[in-house]
Amino acid sequence: QVQLVESGGGLVQSGGSLRLSCAASGSIVSSNVMDWFRQAPGKQRESVAAITSGGLRNYADSVQGRFTISRDNAKNTVYLQMNSLKPEDTAVYYCHYRARPSGYEYWGQGTQVTVSS
């Protein structure tokens, strides 16, 4: 089992910044992918950004250039720095962990991000 605890969500004005954190604990394997998803009301959950344990990153087109994903492997923590936030970024943000090669995956409880116009 892997437990994921997110923090850092909140209310921010358009153009502002927030930093999300996700601390993982439990049976963490050295090769894994940690990523952030988000789900806005009435919409499907979508991938925002991903980072492998080796540091390879991937971003959704909608956040490229505004969001930065990073991780501290020693702390088993992944971060999402969100700059130039827009009202359309409003959603519940979920941390996700996937072990490789087994594919076992776990989700955090989610943290609300609200961007006011």
Protein backbone atom coordinates (compact mmCIF):
# COMPACT_ATOMS: atom_id res chain seq x y z
CA GLN A 1 0.00 0.00 0.00
CA VAL A 2 1.04 3.56 -0.73
CA GLN A 3 -0.50 6.57 0.96
CA LEU A 4 -0.55 9.96 -0.74
CA VAL A 5 -1.23 13.18 1.14
CA GLU A 6 -1.72 16.37 -0.84
CA SER A 7 -1.48 19.92 0.41
CA GLY A 8 -1.25 23.45 -0.92
CA GLY A 9 -4.60 24.02 -2.58
CA GLY A 10 -6.66 27.12 -2.02
CA LEU A 11 -8.20 30.21 -3.52
CA VAL A 12 -6.13 32.51 -5.69
CA GLN A 13 -6.83 35.33 -8.12
CA SER A 14 -6.31 34.96 -11.83
CA GLY A 15 -2.63 35.38 -12.65
CA GLY A 16 -1.55 34.17 -9.23
CA SER A 17 0.47 31.16 -8.16
CA LEU A 18 0.08 28.12 -5.98
CA ARG A 19 2.33 25.22 -5.11
CA LEU A 20 0.89 21.78 -4.49
CA SER A 21 2.74 19.08 -2.60
CA CYS A 22 2.12 15.36 -2.41
CA ALA A 23 3.94 13.24 0.14
CA ALA A 24 4.03 9.51 -0.48
CA SER A 25 4.58 6.89 2.18
CA GLY A 26 4.35 3.14 2.49
CA SER A 27 5.57 0.51 0.04
CA ILE A 28 7.26 2.81 -2.44
CA VAL A 29 9.38 1.22 -5.14
CA SER A 30 12.38 2.92 -6.66
CA SER A 31 10.96 2.97 -10.20
CA ASN A 32 7.69 4.83 -10.35
CA VAL A 33 5.74 7.64 -11.94
CA MET A 34 4.08 10.35 -9.92
CA ASP A 35 1.69 12.73 -11.51
CA TRP A 36 -1.07 15.24 -11.00
CA PHE A 37 -4.55 14.94 -12.39
CA ARG A 38 -7.42 17.37 -12.05
CA GLN A 39 -11.16 17.19 -12.29
CA ALA A 40 -13.40 20.17 -12.77
CA PRO A 41 -17.14 20.01 -12.04
CA GLY A 42 -18.96 18.13 -14.77
CA LYS A 43 -15.75 17.16 -16.54
CA GLN A 44 -13.64 14.06 -16.75
CA ARG A 45 -10.46 13.71 -14.76
CA GLU A 46 -7.49 14.75 -16.87
CA SER A 47 -3.74 14.42 -16.62
CA VAL A 48 -1.90 17.65 -15.84
CA ALA A 49 1.74 16.69 -15.42
CA ALA A 50 3.84 13.62 -14.77
CA ILE A 51 7.37 12.90 -13.62
CA THR A 52 9.23 9.63 -13.47
CA SER A 53 11.59 8.60 -10.71
CA GLY A 54 14.37 9.34 -13.20
CA GLY A 55 13.16 12.91 -13.68
CA LEU A 56 11.46 12.72 -17.07
CA ARG A 57 8.56 15.16 -17.26
CA ASN A 58 5.42 15.46 -19.33
CA TYR A 59 2.78 18.18 -19.36
CA ALA A 60 -0.68 18.70 -20.73
CA ASP A 61 -0.77 21.28 -23.51
CA SER A 62 -3.08 23.46 -21.43
CA VAL A 63 -0.50 23.96 -18.67
CA GLN A 64 2.76 23.81 -20.64
CA GLY A 65 4.89 26.81 -19.77
CA ARG A 66 2.83 27.72 -16.70
CA PHE A 67 3.11 24.65 -14.47
CA THR A 68 6.26 22.87 -13.33
CA ILE A 69 6.34 19.42 -11.81
CA SER A 70 9.28 18.36 -9.66
CA ARG A 71 10.09 15.75 -7.08
CA ASP A 72 12.35 15.05 -4.15
CA ASN A 73 13.04 11.33 -4.18
CA ALA A 74 14.66 11.44 -0.75
CA LYS A 75 11.40 12.78 0.69
CA ASN A 76 9.12 10.80 -1.66
CA THR A 77 7.39 14.05 -2.44
CA VAL A 78 6.18 15.52 -5.71
CA TYR A 79 5.41 19.18 -6.26
CA LEU A 80 3.36 21.14 -8.75
CA GLN A 81 4.26 24.79 -9.10
CA MET A 82 1.38 26.56 -10.79
CA ASN A 83 1.96 30.05 -12.16
CA SER A 84 -0.20 32.39 -14.24
CA LEU A 85 -3.29 30.61 -13.02
CA LYS A 86 -6.50 30.97 -14.96
CA PRO A 87 -10.12 30.45 -13.90
CA GLU A 88 -10.21 27.36 -16.12
CA ASP A 89 -7.55 25.81 -13.87
CA THR A 90 -10.18 25.58 -11.13
CA ALA A 91 -10.55 21.93 -10.19
CA VAL A 92 -9.81 19.30 -7.59
CA TYR A 93 -6.22 18.26 -8.06
CA TYR A 94 -5.27 14.66 -7.36
CA CYS A 95 -1.87 13.15 -6.79
CA HIS A 96 -1.31 9.78 -8.43
CA TYR A 97 1.39 7.15 -8.01
CA ARG A 98 2.12 4.25 -10.31
CA ALA A 99 4.73 1.63 -9.59
CA ARG A 100 6.78 0.22 -12.40
CA PRO A 101 6.76 -2.38 -13.82
CA SER A 102 3.88 -3.76 -11.73
CA GLY A 103 1.47 -0.97 -12.59
CA TYR A 104 0.01 -0.79 -9.09
CA GLU A 105 -1.48 2.67 -8.67
CA TYR A 106 -2.77 4.82 -5.85
CA TRP A 107 -4.59 8.13 -5.56
CA GLY A 108 -4.53 10.94 -3.07
CA GLN A 109 -7.70 12.40 -1.62
CA GLY A 110 -7.55 15.55 -3.73
CA THR A 111 -7.06 19.22 -2.98
CA GLN A 112 -9.26 22.04 -4.24
CA VAL A 113 -7.77 24.79 -6.36
CA THR A 114 -10.04 27.73 -7.12
CA VAL A 115 -8.96 30.59 -9.38
CA SER A 116 -11.15 33.67 -9.31
CA SER A 117 -11.41 36.03 -12.25
